[in-house]
Structures are given as C-alpha cells and as structure tokens.
C-alpha atoms as a PDB file:
ATOM      1  CA  MET A   1      -7.024  23.432  -7.383  1.00  0.00           C
ATOM      2  CA  ARG A   2      -4.367  20.798  -6.728  1.00  0.00           C
ATOM      3  CA  LYS A   3      -5.139  17.207  -7.732  1.00  0.00           C
ATOM      4  CA  GLN A   4      -5.478  14.828  -4.786  1.00  0.00           C
ATOM      5  CA  PRO A   5      -3.385  11.628  -4.849  1.00  0.00           C
ATOM      6  CA  PRO A   6      -5.341   8.346  -4.819  1.00  0.00           C
ATOM      7  CA  ARG A   7      -6.200   6.887  -1.415  1.00  0.00           C
ATOM      8  CA  PHE A   8      -4.522   3.516  -2.109  1.00  0.00           C
ATOM      9  CA  VAL A   9      -1.393   2.976  -4.222  1.00  0.00           C
ATOM     10  CA  GLU A  10       0.142  -0.344  -5.257  1.00  0.00           C
ATOM     11  CA  ILE A  11       3.774  -0.298  -4.136  1.00  0.00           C
ATOM     12  CA  TYR A  12       4.673  -3.939  -4.860  1.00  0.00           C
ATOM     13  CA  SER A  13       3.338  -6.689  -7.108  1.00  0.00           C
ATOM     14  CA  GLN A  14       4.426 -10.277  -7.663  1.00  0.00           C
ATOM     15  CA  ARG A  15       2.870 -12.892  -9.906  1.00  0.00           C
ATOM     16  CA  THR A  16       3.313 -16.569  -9.162  1.00  0.00           C
ATOM     17  CA  GLU A  17       0.347 -18.935  -9.318  1.00  0.00           C
ATOM     18  CA  GLY A  18      -1.709 -16.009  -8.088  1.00  0.00           C
ATOM     19  CA  THR A  19      -1.096 -12.312  -7.622  1.00  0.00           C
ATOM     20  CA  THR A  20       0.326 -10.750  -4.466  1.00  0.00           C
ATOM     21  CA  LYS A  21       0.300  -6.983  -3.968  1.00  0.00           C
ATOM     22  CA  ILE A  22       1.223  -4.541  -1.250  1.00  0.00           C
ATOM     23  CA  LEU A  23      -1.061  -1.517  -1.086  1.00  0.00           C
ATOM     24  CA  LEU A  24      -0.195   1.708   0.705  1.00  0.00           C
ATOM     25  CA  ASP A  25      -2.932   3.797   2.295  1.00  0.00           C
ATOM     26  CA  MET A  26      -1.816   7.314   1.331  1.00  0.00           C
ATOM     27  CA  ALA A  27      -3.788   8.890   4.191  1.00  0.00           C
ATOM     28  CA  THR A  28      -2.434   6.772   7.051  1.00  0.00           C
ATOM     29  CA  GLY A  29       0.703   5.119   5.647  1.00  0.00           C
ATOM     30  CA  VAL A  30      -0.552   1.663   6.668  1.00  0.00           C
ATOM     31  CA  ASN A  31       0.529  -1.232   4.402  1.00  0.00           C
ATOM     32  CA  TYR A  32      -1.938  -3.924   3.309  1.00  0.00           C
ATOM     33  CA  LEU A  33      -1.177  -7.317   1.767  1.00  0.00           C
ATOM     34  CA  TYR A  34      -3.573  -8.509  -0.937  1.00  0.00           C
ATOM     35  CA  HIS A  35      -3.413 -11.964  -2.507  1.00  0.00           C
ATOM     36  CA  GLN A  36      -5.632 -13.317  -5.257  1.00  0.00           C
ATOM     37  CA  GLU A  37      -5.637 -16.783  -6.742  1.00  0.00           C
ATOM     38  CA  GLY A  38      -8.364 -18.083  -9.026  1.00  0.00           C
ATOM     39  CA  TYR A  39     -11.741 -16.775  -7.891  1.00  0.00           C
ATOM     40  CA  SER A  40     -10.702 -15.972  -4.328  1.00  0.00           C
ATOM     41  CA  GLY A  41      -8.641 -13.301  -2.656  1.00  0.00           C
ATOM     42  CA  GLY A  42      -7.864 -11.756   0.673  1.00  0.00           C
ATOM     43  CA  LEU A  43      -6.696  -8.492   2.200  1.00  0.00           C
ATOM     44  CA  THR A  44      -4.974  -7.995   5.551  1.00  0.00           C
ATOM     45  CA  VAL A  45      -3.011  -5.359   7.424  1.00  0.00           C
ATOM     46  CA  MET A  46       0.724  -6.076   7.404  1.00  0.00           C
ATOM     47  CA  ARG A  47       2.115  -6.271  10.946  1.00  0.00           C
ATOM     48  CA  ASN A  48       5.506  -5.734  12.564  1.00  0.00           C
ATOM     49  CA  PRO A  49       6.859  -8.429  14.931  1.00  0.00           C
ATOM     50  CA  ASP A  50       5.390  -6.507  17.888  1.00  0.00           C
ATOM     51  CA  GLY A  51       1.904  -6.584  16.321  1.00  0.00           C
ATOM     52  CA  SER A  52       1.765  -2.931  15.302  1.00  0.00           C
ATOM     53  CA  PRO A  53       0.829  -2.149  11.686  1.00  0.00           C
ATOM     54  CA  VAL A  54       3.606  -1.622   9.147  1.00  0.00           C
ATOM     55  CA  VAL A  55       3.599   2.091   8.322  1.00  0.00           C
ATOM     56  CA  THR A  56       5.461   3.651   5.404  1.00  0.00           C
ATOM     57  CA  PRO A  57       5.199   7.440   5.264  1.00  0.00           C
ATOM     58  CA  PRO A  58       3.880   8.261   1.753  1.00  0.00           C
ATOM     59  CA  GLN A  59       6.290  11.220   1.649  1.00  0.00           C
ATOM     60  CA  GLN A  60       9.159   8.693   1.783  1.00  0.00           C
ATOM     61  CA  LEU A  61       8.050   6.913  -1.416  1.00  0.00           C
ATOM     62  CA  PHE A  62       6.446   9.835  -3.266  1.00  0.00           C
ATOM     63  CA  PRO A  63       8.308  13.033  -2.287  1.00  0.00           C
ATOM     64  CA  ASN A  64       7.149  14.887  -5.422  1.00  0.00           C
ATOM     65  CA  LEU A  65       3.513  14.666  -4.316  1.00  0.00           C
ATOM     66  CA  TYR A  66       4.288  16.496  -1.088  1.00  0.00           C
ATOM     67  CA  GLN A  67       6.473  19.360  -2.331  1.00  0.00           C
ATOM     68  CA  GLN A  68       5.193  22.847  -1.601  1.00  0.00           C
ATOM     69  CA  GLY A  69       4.127  24.865  -4.577  1.00  0.00           C
END
C-alpha cells in the first residue's frame, strides 16, 4: 500500500518576533497563513485580490509524490 502524504504541509516559515508560516492543504491546494506570537496565534485563508482563496496545486511543489508507479 502506498503511503499517503500529510494533509497539511508547511511551505514557508519566517521567524521575527513571532513565527509566521504558510500551510498548504494537500487535498485542496488552499494556502493558509498562520502567525504565532507569545501565547496567541491565528490562522486564516490566504486570499487573492479578487477575494478567492490562494490555491497552489500540490503537484506543482511536490511532483515526486504524484508520479505514477
């Protein structure tokens, strides 16, 4: 049986006074922005200028996971 990729993958991380990450939903391709500072944090869908969610096809970033075989 083939191993399933994780549902969410961290595709970007930046540390300043807190931590900012971009998470990719491997099932839908939707990008989420997560920020944590101290004891608080927040998660939101990243949006394009027209209000639609930012979508990155997982196959674009992880082609080896989607090869036949």
